[in-house]
């Protein structure tokens, strides 16, 4: 692939990929491949087989949000394709953590999960946040980004605002299309706001 959406979980990666699929010059995989974090031992040929066929001038891409938080991925990805373009969708870390917690709790059953506050704070009196909890740790974007900039130039990484993707999807998609070197085909006409 020439581009990957590498994260972040619960920030709008699925919406971004679905919007990008509207572009005729984008070819994207179906489900998350998890090659660089879970199935790396299957080899590059296996990974290539997961990619859709594409024509000259089309960009092949995939989305696996857990890549962003997996320490081994930047090195592995760089070895495969040092010039790849990376897209990272971010949003307010607290909102992201709440969304992550809600999804996990709904899978388990809300009555069986500790409250969000109990999970978030080591000491609720002092407000000390438990940064060992994955829902919090994932939102430490700058710490995680350090792993990535050891292997990739910042000009290869495009940050999408999850909030702007909701408020102004056409504007955000214009920036993504520019980053990918695509003609701006996805515009206001593709979005309808149901108030």
N, C-alpha and C. Protein backbone atom coordinates (compact mmCIF):
# COMPACT_ATOMS: atom_id res chain seq x y z
N UNK A 1 0.83 -1.21 0.00
CA UNK A 1 0.00 0.00 0.00
C UNK A 1 0.86 1.26 0.00
N UNK A 2 0.33 2.31 -0.59
CA UNK A 2 1.04 3.59 -0.60
C UNK A 2 0.65 4.46 0.58
N UNK A 3 -0.44 4.10 1.25
CA UNK A 3 -0.91 4.89 2.40
C UNK A 3 -1.60 3.97 3.40
N UNK A 4 -1.47 4.32 4.67
CA UNK A 4 -2.12 3.56 5.74
C UNK A 4 -2.77 4.52 6.72
N UNK A 5 -3.95 4.14 7.18
CA UNK A 5 -4.57 4.82 8.32
C UNK A 5 -4.13 4.00 9.53
N UNK A 6 -3.26 4.58 10.36
CA UNK A 6 -2.64 3.80 11.44
C UNK A 6 -3.28 4.04 12.80
N UNK A 7 -4.25 4.90 12.88
CA UNK A 7 -4.92 5.14 14.16
C UNK A 7 -5.60 6.50 14.13
N UNK A 8 -6.19 6.78 15.22
CA UNK A 8 -6.17 6.15 16.53
C UNK A 8 -7.55 5.56 16.79
N UNK A 9 -7.58 4.47 17.52
CA UNK A 9 -8.82 3.79 17.87
C UNK A 9 -9.82 4.76 18.49
N UNK A 10 -11.09 4.65 18.05
CA UNK A 10 -12.21 5.46 18.55
C UNK A 10 -12.06 6.95 18.24
N UNK A 11 -11.39 7.26 17.13
CA UNK A 11 -11.23 8.66 16.73
C UNK A 11 -11.88 8.98 15.39
N UNK A 12 -12.36 7.96 14.69
CA UNK A 12 -13.00 8.21 13.40
C UNK A 12 -12.31 7.53 12.23
N UNK A 13 -11.48 6.53 12.50
CA UNK A 13 -10.75 5.87 11.43
C UNK A 13 -11.69 5.17 10.44
N UNK A 14 -12.72 4.51 10.94
CA UNK A 14 -13.67 3.82 10.06
C UNK A 14 -14.39 4.83 9.17
N UNK A 15 -14.85 5.93 9.74
CA UNK A 15 -15.54 6.96 8.95
C UNK A 15 -14.60 7.50 7.87
N UNK A 16 -13.36 7.78 8.24
CA UNK A 16 -12.40 8.31 7.27
C UNK A 16 -12.22 7.33 6.11
N UNK A 17 -12.04 6.06 6.42
CA UNK A 17 -11.85 5.07 5.36
C UNK A 17 -13.08 4.99 4.45
N UNK A 18 -14.25 5.01 5.05
CA UNK A 18 -15.47 4.95 4.24
C UNK A 18 -15.61 6.19 3.36
N UNK A 19 -15.23 7.35 3.86
CA UNK A 19 -15.25 8.56 3.04
C UNK A 19 -14.25 8.43 1.89
N UNK A 20 -13.05 7.92 2.19
CA UNK A 20 -12.02 7.76 1.16
C UNK A 20 -12.45 6.78 0.07
N UNK A 21 -13.23 5.79 0.44
CA UNK A 21 -13.71 4.81 -0.55
C UNK A 21 -14.57 5.47 -1.64
N UNK A 22 -15.09 6.66 -1.37
CA UNK A 22 -15.87 7.39 -2.37
C UNK A 22 -15.00 7.86 -3.54
N UNK A 23 -13.70 7.92 -3.31
CA UNK A 23 -12.78 8.43 -4.34
C UNK A 23 -12.41 7.30 -5.31
N UNK A 24 -12.55 7.54 -6.61
CA UNK A 24 -12.25 6.48 -7.58
C UNK A 24 -10.77 6.07 -7.62
N UNK A 25 -9.90 6.90 -7.09
CA UNK A 25 -8.47 6.58 -7.12
C UNK A 25 -7.97 5.96 -5.82
N UNK A 26 -8.90 5.53 -4.98
CA UNK A 26 -8.54 4.84 -3.73
C UNK A 26 -9.04 3.41 -3.81
N UNK A 27 -8.18 2.48 -3.48
CA UNK A 27 -8.54 1.07 -3.34
C UNK A 27 -8.09 0.66 -1.94
N UNK A 28 -9.03 0.21 -1.13
CA UNK A 28 -8.73 -0.12 0.27
C UNK A 28 -9.13 -1.55 0.59
N UNK A 29 -8.40 -2.12 1.55
CA UNK A 29 -8.72 -3.46 2.02
C UNK A 29 -10.07 -3.43 2.72
N UNK A 30 -10.64 -4.60 2.90
CA UNK A 30 -11.90 -4.72 3.64
C UNK A 30 -11.64 -4.62 5.12
N UNK A 31 -11.50 -5.75 5.79
CA UNK A 31 -11.26 -5.71 7.24
C UNK A 31 -9.83 -5.26 7.56
N UNK A 32 -9.61 -4.90 8.81
CA UNK A 32 -8.27 -4.52 9.25
C UNK A 32 -7.34 -5.72 9.07
N UNK A 33 -6.18 -5.50 8.46
CA UNK A 33 -5.29 -6.63 8.18
C UNK A 33 -4.45 -7.04 9.38
N UNK A 34 -4.11 -6.09 10.23
CA UNK A 34 -3.28 -6.36 11.41
C UNK A 34 -1.95 -7.04 11.06
N UNK A 35 -1.46 -6.82 9.86
CA UNK A 35 -0.21 -7.47 9.45
C UNK A 35 0.97 -7.06 10.33
N UNK A 36 1.15 -5.76 10.51
CA UNK A 36 2.35 -5.28 11.19
C UNK A 36 2.32 -5.47 12.70
N UNK A 37 1.15 -5.77 13.28
CA UNK A 37 1.10 -5.98 14.73
C UNK A 37 0.77 -7.41 15.13
N UNK A 38 -0.02 -8.14 14.35
CA UNK A 38 -0.42 -9.50 14.75
C UNK A 38 0.07 -10.60 13.82
N UNK A 39 0.12 -10.32 12.52
CA UNK A 39 0.39 -11.38 11.55
C UNK A 39 1.68 -11.18 10.77
N UNK A 40 2.63 -10.48 11.36
CA UNK A 40 3.88 -10.17 10.68
C UNK A 40 4.64 -11.44 10.29
N UNK A 41 4.51 -12.47 11.12
CA UNK A 41 5.21 -13.74 10.85
C UNK A 41 4.67 -14.46 9.61
N UNK A 42 3.53 -14.04 9.09
CA UNK A 42 2.98 -14.65 7.88
C UNK A 42 3.72 -14.20 6.62
N UNK A 43 4.48 -13.13 6.75
CA UNK A 43 5.31 -12.68 5.64
C UNK A 43 4.65 -11.69 4.71
N UNK A 44 5.52 -11.02 3.96
CA UNK A 44 5.10 -9.94 3.06
C UNK A 44 4.19 -10.44 1.94
N UNK A 45 4.40 -11.66 1.47
CA UNK A 45 3.54 -12.18 0.40
C UNK A 45 2.10 -12.32 0.88
N UNK A 46 1.93 -12.78 2.12
CA UNK A 46 0.58 -12.88 2.69
C UNK A 46 -0.07 -11.50 2.74
N UNK A 47 0.72 -10.51 3.17
CA UNK A 47 0.21 -9.14 3.26
C UNK A 47 -0.22 -8.64 1.88
N UNK A 48 0.61 -8.86 0.89
CA UNK A 48 0.27 -8.42 -0.47
C UNK A 48 -1.04 -9.04 -0.94
N UNK A 49 -1.27 -10.28 -0.57
CA UNK A 49 -2.50 -10.97 -0.97
C UNK A 49 -3.75 -10.36 -0.32
N UNK A 50 -3.56 -9.64 0.78
CA UNK A 50 -4.69 -8.99 1.45
C UNK A 50 -5.10 -7.70 0.76
N UNK A 51 -4.23 -7.19 -0.10
CA UNK A 51 -4.47 -5.91 -0.75
C UNK A 51 -5.39 -6.09 -1.96
N UNK A 52 -6.25 -5.11 -2.20
CA UNK A 52 -7.11 -5.18 -3.40
C UNK A 52 -6.28 -4.90 -4.65
N UNK A 53 -6.75 -5.38 -5.78
CA UNK A 53 -6.07 -5.05 -7.02
C UNK A 53 -6.34 -3.57 -7.33
N UNK A 54 -5.37 -2.95 -7.94
CA UNK A 54 -5.53 -1.53 -8.27
C UNK A 54 -4.90 -1.25 -9.63
N UNK A 55 -5.32 -0.18 -10.22
CA UNK A 55 -4.81 0.26 -11.51
C UNK A 55 -3.71 1.28 -11.30
N UNK A 56 -2.93 1.52 -12.35
CA UNK A 56 -1.93 2.58 -12.29
C UNK A 56 -2.64 3.89 -11.94
N UNK A 57 -2.07 4.64 -11.05
CA UNK A 57 -2.65 5.91 -10.64
C UNK A 57 -3.57 5.81 -9.44
N UNK A 58 -3.97 4.59 -9.08
CA UNK A 58 -4.79 4.41 -7.88
C UNK A 58 -3.88 4.19 -6.68
N UNK A 59 -4.37 4.60 -5.52
CA UNK A 59 -3.64 4.42 -4.26
C UNK A 59 -4.27 3.26 -3.52
N UNK A 60 -3.43 2.30 -3.17
CA UNK A 60 -3.87 1.16 -2.36
C UNK A 60 -3.61 1.52 -0.91
N UNK A 61 -4.60 1.26 -0.05
CA UNK A 61 -4.40 1.59 1.35
C UNK A 61 -5.12 0.61 2.26
N UNK A 62 -4.74 0.64 3.51
CA UNK A 62 -5.41 -0.16 4.54
C UNK A 62 -5.51 0.64 5.81
N UNK A 63 -6.37 0.13 6.72
CA UNK A 63 -6.59 0.79 8.00
C UNK A 63 -6.51 -0.24 9.11
N UNK A 64 -5.59 -0.01 10.04
CA UNK A 64 -5.52 -0.81 11.26
C UNK A 64 -5.14 0.15 12.39
N UNK A 65 -6.12 0.60 13.19
CA UNK A 65 -5.85 1.60 14.23
C UNK A 65 -4.85 1.17 15.29
N UNK A 66 -4.72 -0.11 15.54
CA UNK A 66 -3.78 -0.55 16.58
C UNK A 66 -2.32 -0.39 16.15
N UNK A 67 -2.06 -0.14 14.87
CA UNK A 67 -0.68 0.10 14.45
C UNK A 67 -0.07 1.27 15.22
N UNK A 68 -0.83 2.32 15.41
CA UNK A 68 -0.29 3.53 16.05
C UNK A 68 0.31 3.24 17.41
N UNK A 69 -0.28 2.34 18.18
CA UNK A 69 0.15 2.11 19.56
C UNK A 69 1.04 0.88 19.73
N UNK A 70 1.43 0.24 18.63
CA UNK A 70 2.27 -0.95 18.71
C UNK A 70 3.70 -0.57 18.38
N UNK A 71 4.57 -0.68 19.36
CA UNK A 71 5.93 -0.17 19.27
C UNK A 71 6.74 -0.73 18.09
N UNK A 72 6.49 -1.98 17.72
CA UNK A 72 7.27 -2.61 16.64
C UNK A 72 6.86 -2.15 15.24
N UNK A 73 5.67 -1.62 15.12
CA UNK A 73 5.13 -1.32 13.80
C UNK A 73 5.93 -0.28 13.01
N UNK A 74 6.34 0.85 13.58
CA UNK A 74 7.06 1.83 12.76
C UNK A 74 8.29 1.24 12.05
N UNK A 75 9.08 0.46 12.76
CA UNK A 75 10.28 -0.15 12.17
C UNK A 75 9.90 -1.14 11.07
N UNK A 76 8.93 -2.00 11.36
CA UNK A 76 8.50 -3.00 10.38
C UNK A 76 7.95 -2.34 9.12
N UNK A 77 7.13 -1.34 9.31
CA UNK A 77 6.52 -0.64 8.18
C UNK A 77 7.58 0.09 7.36
N UNK A 78 8.51 0.72 8.03
CA UNK A 78 9.58 1.44 7.35
C UNK A 78 10.43 0.49 6.51
N UNK A 79 10.69 -0.71 7.03
CA UNK A 79 11.47 -1.70 6.27
C UNK A 79 10.74 -2.09 4.98
N UNK A 80 9.42 -2.15 5.04
CA UNK A 80 8.65 -2.51 3.85
C UNK A 80 8.56 -1.34 2.87
N UNK A 81 8.29 -0.16 3.39
CA UNK A 81 8.02 0.98 2.52
C UNK A 81 8.39 2.29 3.22
N UNK A 82 9.63 2.73 3.08
CA UNK A 82 10.07 3.94 3.79
C UNK A 82 9.38 5.22 3.32
N UNK A 83 8.74 5.20 2.16
CA UNK A 83 8.10 6.41 1.63
C UNK A 83 6.58 6.41 1.80
N UNK A 84 6.04 5.42 2.50
CA UNK A 84 4.59 5.31 2.68
C UNK A 84 4.04 6.57 3.36
N UNK A 85 2.79 6.88 3.04
CA UNK A 85 2.12 8.01 3.69
C UNK A 85 1.24 7.47 4.81
N UNK A 86 1.28 8.14 5.95
CA UNK A 86 0.56 7.69 7.14
C UNK A 86 -0.50 8.71 7.53
N UNK A 87 -1.67 8.20 7.87
CA UNK A 87 -2.76 9.07 8.30
C UNK A 87 -3.13 8.68 9.72
N UNK A 88 -3.17 9.68 10.60
CA UNK A 88 -3.50 9.46 12.01
C UNK A 88 -4.70 10.34 12.35
N UNK A 89 -5.79 9.70 12.74
CA UNK A 89 -6.98 10.44 13.16
C UNK A 89 -6.90 10.58 14.68
N UNK A 90 -6.98 11.80 15.17
CA UNK A 90 -6.93 12.06 16.61
C UNK A 90 -8.16 12.86 17.02
N UNK A 91 -8.47 12.79 18.29
CA UNK A 91 -9.55 13.62 18.84
C UNK A 91 -9.21 13.88 20.29
N UNK A 92 -10.00 14.71 20.94
CA UNK A 92 -9.78 15.01 22.35
C UNK A 92 -9.55 13.70 23.10
N UNK A 93 -8.41 13.57 23.81
CA UNK A 93 -8.09 12.30 24.47
C UNK A 93 -9.11 11.85 25.51
N UNK A 94 -9.76 12.79 26.18
CA UNK A 94 -10.78 12.41 27.17
C UNK A 94 -12.01 11.84 26.46
N UNK A 95 -12.45 12.51 25.42
CA UNK A 95 -13.59 12.01 24.64
C UNK A 95 -13.27 10.65 24.05
N UNK A 96 -12.03 10.49 23.56
CA UNK A 96 -11.61 9.21 23.00
C UNK A 96 -11.65 8.11 24.05
N UNK A 97 -11.15 8.41 25.26
CA UNK A 97 -11.13 7.42 26.35
C UNK A 97 -12.55 7.02 26.76
N UNK A 98 -13.45 7.99 26.81
CA UNK A 98 -14.85 7.69 27.16
C UNK A 98 -15.47 6.77 26.10
N UNK A 99 -15.22 7.06 24.84
CA UNK A 99 -15.74 6.23 23.76
C UNK A 99 -15.18 4.81 23.84
N UNK A 100 -13.89 4.71 24.11
CA UNK A 100 -13.22 3.41 24.26
C UNK A 100 -13.84 2.63 25.42
N UNK A 101 -13.99 3.31 26.55
CA UNK A 101 -14.59 2.68 27.74
C UNK A 101 -16.02 2.21 27.45
N UNK A 102 -16.81 3.05 26.81
CA UNK A 102 -18.20 2.72 26.52
C UNK A 102 -18.30 1.50 25.62
N UNK A 103 -17.44 1.44 24.61
CA UNK A 103 -17.45 0.29 23.71
C UNK A 103 -17.09 -0.99 24.46
N UNK A 104 -16.04 -0.93 25.27
CA UNK A 104 -15.61 -2.10 26.04
C UNK A 104 -16.68 -2.51 27.04
N UNK A 105 -17.25 -1.55 27.74
CA UNK A 105 -18.28 -1.85 28.74
C UNK A 105 -19.52 -2.46 28.10
N UNK A 106 -19.89 -1.98 26.91
CA UNK A 106 -21.08 -2.53 26.26
C UNK A 106 -20.85 -3.96 25.79
N UNK A 107 -19.61 -4.28 25.44
CA UNK A 107 -19.29 -5.66 25.05
C UNK A 107 -19.36 -6.59 26.26
N UNK A 108 -18.90 -6.10 27.40
CA UNK A 108 -18.88 -6.90 28.63
C UNK A 108 -20.24 -6.92 29.32
N UNK A 109 -20.98 -5.87 29.14
CA UNK A 109 -22.21 -5.66 29.91
C UNK A 109 -21.92 -4.59 30.94
N UNK A 110 -22.64 -3.49 30.88
CA UNK A 110 -22.35 -2.32 31.72
C UNK A 110 -22.30 -2.64 33.21
N UNK A 111 -23.12 -3.55 33.69
CA UNK A 111 -23.14 -3.86 35.12
C UNK A 111 -21.89 -4.56 35.61
N UNK A 112 -21.12 -5.16 34.70
CA UNK A 112 -19.92 -5.90 35.12
C UNK A 112 -18.65 -5.07 35.08
N UNK A 113 -18.70 -3.88 34.53
CA UNK A 113 -17.51 -3.04 34.40
C UNK A 113 -17.45 -2.00 35.51
N UNK A 114 -16.23 -1.74 36.03
CA UNK A 114 -16.09 -0.63 36.98
C UNK A 114 -16.45 0.68 36.28
N UNK A 115 -16.79 1.70 37.05
CA UNK A 115 -17.16 2.98 36.45
C UNK A 115 -15.96 3.60 35.74
N UNK A 116 -16.25 4.53 34.83
CA UNK A 116 -15.20 5.23 34.11
C UNK A 116 -14.27 5.94 35.08
N UNK A 117 -14.84 6.62 36.09
CA UNK A 117 -14.02 7.33 37.08
C UNK A 117 -13.09 6.38 37.84
N UNK A 118 -13.59 5.22 38.21
CA UNK A 118 -12.75 4.25 38.93
C UNK A 118 -11.58 3.78 38.07
N UNK A 119 -11.85 3.62 36.78
CA UNK A 119 -10.80 3.18 35.86
C UNK A 119 -9.80 4.31 35.57
N UNK A 120 -10.28 5.54 35.55
CA UNK A 120 -9.45 6.68 35.14
C UNK A 120 -8.48 7.16 36.21
N UNK A 121 -8.95 7.18 37.46
CA UNK A 121 -8.14 7.81 38.50
C UNK A 121 -7.50 6.79 39.43
N UNK A 122 -6.20 6.98 39.65
CA UNK A 122 -5.50 6.20 40.68
C UNK A 122 -5.92 6.67 42.05
N UNK A 123 -6.05 8.00 42.14
CA UNK A 123 -6.46 8.61 43.39
C UNK A 123 -7.46 9.71 43.03
N UNK A 124 -8.73 9.45 43.28
CA UNK A 124 -9.76 10.42 42.88
C UNK A 124 -9.72 11.69 43.71
N UNK A 125 -9.16 11.61 44.92
CA UNK A 125 -9.07 12.80 45.77
C UNK A 125 -8.08 13.81 45.18
N UNK A 126 -6.93 13.30 44.75
CA UNK A 126 -5.91 14.19 44.19
C UNK A 126 -6.07 14.40 42.69
N UNK A 127 -6.89 13.55 42.06
CA UNK A 127 -7.07 13.65 40.61
C UNK A 127 -5.95 12.99 39.83
N UNK A 128 -5.17 12.12 40.48
CA UNK A 128 -4.06 11.43 39.81
C UNK A 128 -4.63 10.42 38.82
N UNK A 129 -4.30 10.61 37.55
CA UNK A 129 -4.82 9.77 36.48
C UNK A 129 -3.99 8.50 36.37
N UNK A 130 -4.66 7.39 36.12
CA UNK A 130 -3.99 6.09 35.96
C UNK A 130 -3.58 5.92 34.50
N UNK A 131 -2.35 6.30 34.21
CA UNK A 131 -1.86 6.23 32.83
C UNK A 131 -1.51 4.81 32.41
N UNK A 132 -1.65 3.85 33.31
CA UNK A 132 -1.41 2.45 32.91
C UNK A 132 -2.65 1.85 32.24
N UNK A 133 -3.81 2.48 32.41
CA UNK A 133 -5.03 1.98 31.78
C UNK A 133 -4.95 2.28 30.28
N UNK A 134 -5.16 1.28 29.45
CA UNK A 134 -4.98 1.42 28.01
C UNK A 134 -5.83 2.54 27.41
N UNK A 135 -7.04 2.74 27.89
CA UNK A 135 -7.90 3.80 27.35
C UNK A 135 -7.27 5.18 27.53
N UNK A 136 -6.49 5.35 28.57
CA UNK A 136 -5.77 6.61 28.81
C UNK A 136 -4.47 6.62 28.02
N UNK A 137 -3.73 5.53 28.10
CA UNK A 137 -2.41 5.43 27.45
C UNK A 137 -2.50 5.70 25.95
N UNK A 138 -3.54 5.19 25.30
CA UNK A 138 -3.70 5.38 23.86
C UNK A 138 -3.81 6.87 23.50
N UNK A 139 -4.35 7.68 24.39
CA UNK A 139 -4.52 9.11 24.14
C UNK A 139 -3.29 9.95 24.39
N UNK A 140 -2.19 9.33 24.76
CA UNK A 140 -0.93 10.06 24.94
C UNK A 140 -0.22 10.16 23.58
N UNK A 141 -0.83 10.90 22.68
CA UNK A 141 -0.40 10.94 21.29
C UNK A 141 1.07 11.34 21.11
N UNK A 142 1.52 12.35 21.82
CA UNK A 142 2.89 12.84 21.61
C UNK A 142 3.92 11.80 22.02
N UNK A 143 3.65 11.07 23.10
CA UNK A 143 4.58 10.02 23.53
C UNK A 143 4.69 8.93 22.46
N UNK A 144 3.57 8.51 21.94
CA UNK A 144 3.55 7.44 20.94
C UNK A 144 4.14 7.93 19.62
N UNK A 145 3.87 9.17 19.26
CA UNK A 145 4.38 9.72 18.00
C UNK A 145 5.91 9.69 17.95
N UNK A 146 6.55 9.77 19.10
CA UNK A 146 8.02 9.71 19.14
C UNK A 146 8.54 8.43 18.49
N UNK A 147 7.84 7.32 18.65
CA UNK A 147 8.27 6.06 18.01
C UNK A 147 8.23 6.20 16.49
N UNK A 148 7.24 6.91 16.00
CA UNK A 148 7.02 7.03 14.56
C UNK A 148 8.01 7.98 13.90
N UNK A 149 8.33 9.09 14.56
CA UNK A 149 9.22 10.07 13.91
C UNK A 149 10.68 9.62 13.93
N UNK A 150 10.99 8.52 14.58
CA UNK A 150 12.32 7.92 14.46
C UNK A 150 12.49 7.28 13.08
N UNK A 151 11.39 6.92 12.43
CA UNK A 151 11.44 6.23 11.15
C UNK A 151 10.84 7.01 9.99
N UNK A 152 9.92 7.92 10.27
CA UNK A 152 9.22 8.64 9.22
C UNK A 152 9.29 10.15 9.46
N UNK A 153 9.46 10.90 8.36
CA UNK A 153 9.43 12.36 8.44
C UNK A 153 8.01 12.82 8.75
N UNK A 154 7.90 13.91 9.46
CA UNK A 154 6.57 14.45 9.76
C UNK A 154 5.78 14.77 8.49
N UNK A 155 6.49 15.10 7.40
CA UNK A 155 5.78 15.39 6.14
C UNK A 155 5.09 14.15 5.57
N UNK A 156 5.46 12.95 6.07
CA UNK A 156 4.81 11.71 5.64
C UNK A 156 3.60 11.36 6.50
N UNK A 157 3.37 12.16 7.54
CA UNK A 157 2.29 11.86 8.48
C UNK A 157 1.27 13.00 8.42
N UNK A 158 0.03 12.64 8.17
CA UNK A 158 -1.05 13.63 8.13
C UNK A 158 -1.98 13.37 9.31
N UNK A 159 -2.26 14.40 10.07
CA UNK A 159 -3.15 14.29 11.22
C UNK A 159 -4.53 14.80 10.84
N UNK A 160 -5.53 13.98 11.10
CA UNK A 160 -6.92 14.33 10.84
C UNK A 160 -7.57 14.61 12.18
N UNK A 161 -8.26 15.71 12.28
CA UNK A 161 -9.02 16.02 13.49
C UNK A 161 -10.33 15.25 13.46
N UNK A 162 -10.50 14.35 14.42
CA UNK A 162 -11.75 13.60 14.52
C UNK A 162 -12.94 14.52 14.72
N UNK A 163 -12.74 15.60 15.47
CA UNK A 163 -13.82 16.57 15.68
C UNK A 163 -14.20 17.26 14.37
N UNK A 164 -13.18 17.67 13.59
CA UNK A 164 -13.46 18.33 12.31
C UNK A 164 -14.06 17.37 11.29
N UNK A 165 -13.72 16.10 11.41
CA UNK A 165 -14.28 15.10 10.51
C UNK A 165 -15.80 15.01 10.70
N UNK A 166 -16.25 15.30 11.91
CA UNK A 166 -17.69 15.32 12.20
C UNK A 166 -18.31 16.66 11.79
N UNK A 167 -17.65 17.78 12.18
CA UNK A 167 -18.21 19.12 11.94
C UNK A 167 -18.11 19.55 10.48
N UNK A 168 -16.98 19.26 9.86
CA UNK A 168 -16.72 19.70 8.49
C UNK A 168 -16.04 18.58 7.70
N UNK A 169 -16.77 17.51 7.42
CA UNK A 169 -16.13 16.37 6.75
C UNK A 169 -15.54 16.73 5.39
N UNK A 170 -16.20 17.57 4.63
CA UNK A 170 -15.69 17.94 3.31
C UNK A 170 -14.37 18.69 3.43
N UNK A 171 -14.28 19.61 4.38
CA UNK A 171 -13.04 20.35 4.59
C UNK A 171 -11.90 19.44 5.00
N UNK A 172 -12.19 18.53 5.90
CA UNK A 172 -11.16 17.60 6.37
C UNK A 172 -10.74 16.66 5.24
N UNK A 173 -11.72 16.22 4.44
CA UNK A 173 -11.41 15.33 3.32
C UNK A 173 -10.60 16.04 2.23
N UNK A 174 -10.81 17.34 2.07
CA UNK A 174 -10.00 18.11 1.12
C UNK A 174 -8.53 18.04 1.52
N UNK A 175 -8.26 18.19 2.81
CA UNK A 175 -6.88 18.13 3.30
C UNK A 175 -6.28 16.74 3.11
N UNK A 176 -7.07 15.71 3.35
CA UNK A 176 -6.58 14.33 3.18
C UNK A 176 -6.29 14.06 1.70
N UNK A 177 -7.20 14.49 0.82
CA UNK A 177 -6.97 14.29 -0.61
C UNK A 177 -5.71 15.03 -1.07
N UNK A 178 -5.49 16.23 -0.56
CA UNK A 178 -4.27 16.98 -0.89
C UNK A 178 -3.04 16.21 -0.42
N UNK A 179 -3.07 15.71 0.80
CA UNK A 179 -1.95 14.96 1.36
C UNK A 179 -1.63 13.74 0.50
N UNK A 180 -2.65 13.06 0.03
CA UNK A 180 -2.45 11.86 -0.78
C UNK A 180 -2.14 12.16 -2.24
N UNK A 181 -2.17 13.44 -2.61
CA UNK A 181 -1.89 13.83 -3.98
C UNK A 181 -3.03 13.51 -4.94
N UNK A 182 -4.24 13.51 -4.42
CA UNK A 182 -5.43 13.18 -5.20
C UNK A 182 -6.19 14.44 -5.60
N UNK A 183 -6.89 14.34 -6.72
CA UNK A 183 -7.80 15.40 -7.12
C UNK A 183 -8.92 15.47 -6.08
N UNK A 184 -9.36 16.69 -5.76
CA UNK A 184 -10.43 16.86 -4.76
C UNK A 184 -11.78 16.47 -5.37
N UNK A 185 -12.11 15.22 -5.21
CA UNK A 185 -13.38 14.70 -5.74
C UNK A 185 -14.42 14.60 -4.63
N UNK A 186 -13.99 14.28 -3.43
CA UNK A 186 -14.91 14.17 -2.28
C UNK A 186 -15.14 15.59 -1.75
N UNK A 187 -16.36 16.08 -1.92
CA UNK A 187 -16.69 17.47 -1.58
C UNK A 187 -17.97 17.52 -0.75
N UNK A 188 -18.44 18.74 -0.53
CA UNK A 188 -19.68 18.96 0.23
C UNK A 188 -20.85 18.13 -0.28
N UNK A 189 -20.90 17.92 -1.58
CA UNK A 189 -22.05 17.21 -2.16
C UNK A 189 -22.16 15.76 -1.67
N UNK A 190 -21.09 15.23 -1.09
CA UNK A 190 -21.09 13.85 -0.59
C UNK A 190 -21.61 13.72 0.84
N UNK A 191 -21.89 14.86 1.48
CA UNK A 191 -22.27 14.81 2.89
C UNK A 191 -23.62 15.46 3.11
N UNK A 192 -24.39 14.81 3.94
CA UNK A 192 -25.71 15.32 4.31
C UNK A 192 -25.79 15.30 5.83
N UNK A 193 -26.10 16.44 6.41
CA UNK A 193 -26.21 16.53 7.87
C UNK A 193 -27.65 16.33 8.29
N UNK A 194 -27.87 15.31 9.05
CA UNK A 194 -29.20 15.02 9.59
C UNK A 194 -29.25 15.59 10.99
N UNK A 195 -29.89 16.74 11.14
CA UNK A 195 -29.95 17.39 12.45
C UNK A 195 -31.10 16.80 13.21
